[in-house]
Amino acid sequence: NKNIIKQELLRAILSLSRSMKSNVVAEGIETREELDMLLSLGVSFGQGFLIARPSPEFVVPQKP
């Protein structure tokens, strides 16, 4: 099953990130099922249409 392979890959990435004391950001979260699975595996950060829609480009103000 394709999802099982993705979950095993994610487990490996999470294990590596913990050993490196770094964080993983999941991108492209579109469904509650995806979010629930990511949370159950220990992913703490994410983005995607389920969480928030894209916003207009952020323009950094220039110093005068």
N, C-alpha and C. Protein backbone atom coordinates (compact mmCIF):
# COMPACT_ATOMS: atom_id res chain seq x y z
N ASN A 1 0.84 -1.19 0.00
CA ASN A 1 0.00 0.00 0.00
C ASN A 1 0.88 1.24 0.00
N LYS A 2 0.54 2.20 -0.84
CA LYS A 2 1.31 3.43 -1.00
C LYS A 2 1.35 4.25 0.30
N ASN A 3 0.21 4.30 1.04
CA ASN A 3 0.17 5.07 2.29
C ASN A 3 1.09 4.49 3.35
N ILE A 4 1.18 3.17 3.41
CA ILE A 4 2.06 2.53 4.40
C ILE A 4 3.51 2.89 4.10
N ILE A 5 3.88 2.90 2.85
CA ILE A 5 5.25 3.27 2.47
C ILE A 5 5.53 4.72 2.85
N LYS A 6 4.56 5.61 2.60
CA LYS A 6 4.72 7.02 2.97
C LYS A 6 4.86 7.18 4.48
N GLN A 7 4.08 6.42 5.24
CA GLN A 7 4.15 6.51 6.70
C GLN A 7 5.50 6.02 7.22
N GLU A 8 6.01 4.95 6.64
CA GLU A 8 7.33 4.44 7.06
C GLU A 8 8.43 5.43 6.72
N LEU A 9 8.33 6.07 5.56
CA LEU A 9 9.30 7.09 5.18
C LEU A 9 9.24 8.25 6.16
N LEU A 10 8.04 8.67 6.51
CA LEU A 10 7.88 9.77 7.47
C LEU A 10 8.44 9.40 8.84
N ARG A 11 8.21 8.16 9.28
CA ARG A 11 8.79 7.71 10.56
C ARG A 11 10.31 7.81 10.53
N ALA A 12 10.92 7.43 9.42
CA ALA A 12 12.37 7.51 9.29
C ALA A 12 12.85 8.96 9.31
N ILE A 13 12.14 9.83 8.62
CA ILE A 13 12.50 11.25 8.60
C ILE A 13 12.37 11.84 10.00
N LEU A 14 11.30 11.49 10.72
CA LEU A 14 11.10 11.99 12.08
C LEU A 14 12.20 11.48 13.01
N SER A 15 12.58 10.24 12.87
CA SER A 15 13.65 9.68 13.69
C SER A 15 14.96 10.42 13.44
N LEU A 16 15.27 10.66 12.18
CA LEU A 16 16.48 11.40 11.83
C LEU A 16 16.43 12.83 12.37
N SER A 17 15.28 13.48 12.24
CA SER A 17 15.18 14.87 12.70
C SER A 17 15.33 14.95 14.22
N ARG A 18 14.80 13.96 14.94
CA ARG A 18 14.96 13.96 16.41
C ARG A 18 16.42 13.80 16.78
N SER A 19 17.12 12.91 16.09
CA SER A 19 18.54 12.70 16.40
C SER A 19 19.38 13.94 16.09
N MET A 20 18.90 14.75 15.15
CA MET A 20 19.60 15.98 14.78
C MET A 20 19.07 17.19 15.55
N LYS A 21 18.09 16.95 16.44
CA LYS A 21 17.45 18.03 17.21
C LYS A 21 16.89 19.12 16.28
N SER A 22 16.21 18.67 15.25
CA SER A 22 15.58 19.60 14.30
C SER A 22 14.09 19.27 14.20
N ASN A 23 13.35 20.11 13.51
CA ASN A 23 11.91 19.95 13.36
C ASN A 23 11.56 19.56 11.93
N VAL A 24 10.41 18.91 11.81
CA VAL A 24 9.86 18.55 10.50
C VAL A 24 8.60 19.38 10.29
N VAL A 25 8.46 19.96 9.10
CA VAL A 25 7.26 20.70 8.74
C VAL A 25 6.58 19.93 7.62
N ALA A 26 5.37 19.44 7.88
CA ALA A 26 4.60 18.73 6.86
C ALA A 26 3.91 19.76 5.97
N GLU A 27 4.02 19.58 4.68
CA GLU A 27 3.39 20.51 3.74
C GLU A 27 2.30 19.80 2.95
N GLY A 28 1.34 20.58 2.49
CA GLY A 28 0.30 20.04 1.63
C GLY A 28 -0.79 19.28 2.36
N ILE A 29 -1.04 19.61 3.62
CA ILE A 29 -2.09 18.93 4.39
C ILE A 29 -3.44 19.42 3.88
N GLU A 30 -4.23 18.49 3.33
CA GLU A 30 -5.51 18.87 2.72
C GLU A 30 -6.71 18.24 3.40
N THR A 31 -6.53 17.15 4.15
CA THR A 31 -7.68 16.49 4.76
C THR A 31 -7.44 16.28 6.25
N ARG A 32 -8.54 16.13 6.99
CA ARG A 32 -8.45 15.86 8.43
C ARG A 32 -7.74 14.53 8.68
N GLU A 33 -7.96 13.55 7.80
CA GLU A 33 -7.31 12.25 7.94
C GLU A 33 -5.79 12.39 7.85
N GLU A 34 -5.31 13.22 6.91
CA GLU A 34 -3.87 13.45 6.79
C GLU A 34 -3.34 14.11 8.05
N LEU A 35 -4.04 15.11 8.54
CA LEU A 35 -3.61 15.81 9.74
C LEU A 35 -3.57 14.86 10.93
N ASP A 36 -4.62 14.06 11.10
CA ASP A 36 -4.66 13.12 12.23
C ASP A 36 -3.50 12.13 12.17
N MET A 37 -3.19 11.63 10.97
CA MET A 37 -2.09 10.68 10.82
C MET A 37 -0.76 11.34 11.16
N LEU A 38 -0.56 12.57 10.67
CA LEU A 38 0.68 13.30 10.96
C LEU A 38 0.84 13.56 12.45
N LEU A 39 -0.24 13.96 13.09
CA LEU A 39 -0.19 14.20 14.54
C LEU A 39 0.10 12.92 15.29
N SER A 40 -0.50 11.81 14.87
CA SER A 40 -0.27 10.53 15.55
C SER A 40 1.18 10.06 15.42
N LEU A 41 1.84 10.48 14.34
CA LEU A 41 3.24 10.10 14.14
C LEU A 41 4.20 11.07 14.83
N GLY A 42 3.68 12.19 15.34
CA GLY A 42 4.52 13.12 16.07
C GLY A 42 4.97 14.36 15.32
N VAL A 43 4.34 14.64 14.18
CA VAL A 43 4.67 15.87 13.45
C VAL A 43 4.03 17.05 14.18
N SER A 44 4.83 18.05 14.49
CA SER A 44 4.33 19.19 15.28
C SER A 44 4.02 20.43 14.44
N PHE A 45 4.54 20.48 13.23
CA PHE A 45 4.36 21.67 12.40
C PHE A 45 3.84 21.27 11.03
N GLY A 46 2.93 22.08 10.49
CA GLY A 46 2.40 21.77 9.17
C GLY A 46 1.72 22.95 8.53
N GLN A 47 1.46 22.80 7.24
CA GLN A 47 0.74 23.83 6.48
C GLN A 47 -0.01 23.13 5.38
N GLY A 48 -1.03 23.79 4.90
CA GLY A 48 -1.82 23.24 3.80
C GLY A 48 -3.20 23.86 3.79
N PHE A 49 -3.97 23.52 2.77
CA PHE A 49 -5.31 24.09 2.60
C PHE A 49 -6.22 23.83 3.79
N LEU A 50 -6.04 22.68 4.47
CA LEU A 50 -6.89 22.39 5.62
C LEU A 50 -6.65 23.39 6.75
N ILE A 51 -5.44 23.85 6.89
CA ILE A 51 -5.07 24.75 7.99
C ILE A 51 -5.34 26.21 7.62
N ALA A 52 -4.92 26.61 6.44
CA ALA A 52 -5.15 27.99 5.99
C ALA A 52 -4.97 28.06 4.48
N ARG A 53 -5.76 28.87 3.85
CA ARG A 53 -5.64 29.10 2.42
C ARG A 53 -4.44 30.00 2.16
N PRO A 54 -3.88 29.93 0.96
CA PRO A 54 -2.77 30.83 0.64
C PRO A 54 -3.19 32.29 0.79
N SER A 55 -2.28 33.11 1.22
CA SER A 55 -2.56 34.53 1.37
C SER A 55 -1.76 35.31 0.34
N PRO A 56 -2.12 36.57 0.14
CA PRO A 56 -1.36 37.38 -0.81
C PRO A 56 0.12 37.44 -0.41
N GLU A 57 0.93 37.71 -1.39
CA GLU A 57 2.37 37.81 -1.15
C GLU A 57 2.64 38.84 -0.06
N PHE A 58 3.52 38.47 0.86
CA PHE A 58 3.93 39.39 1.92
C PHE A 58 5.09 40.23 1.41
N VAL A 59 4.91 41.54 1.43
CA VAL A 59 5.94 42.45 0.97
C VAL A 59 6.66 43.03 2.17
N VAL A 60 7.96 42.87 2.20
CA VAL A 60 8.76 43.41 3.30
C VAL A 60 8.94 44.91 3.07
N PRO A 61 8.55 45.74 4.04
CA PRO A 61 8.70 47.18 3.88
C PRO A 61 10.19 47.54 3.76
N GLN A 62 10.47 48.48 2.89
CA GLN A 62 11.84 48.96 2.71
C GLN A 62 12.10 50.13 3.65
N LYS A 63 13.31 50.19 4.15
CA LYS A 63 13.68 51.34 5.01
C LYS A 63 13.77 52.57 4.15
N PRO A 64 13.31 53.71 4.68
CA PRO A 64 13.35 54.95 3.88
C PRO A 64 14.77 55.44 3.64
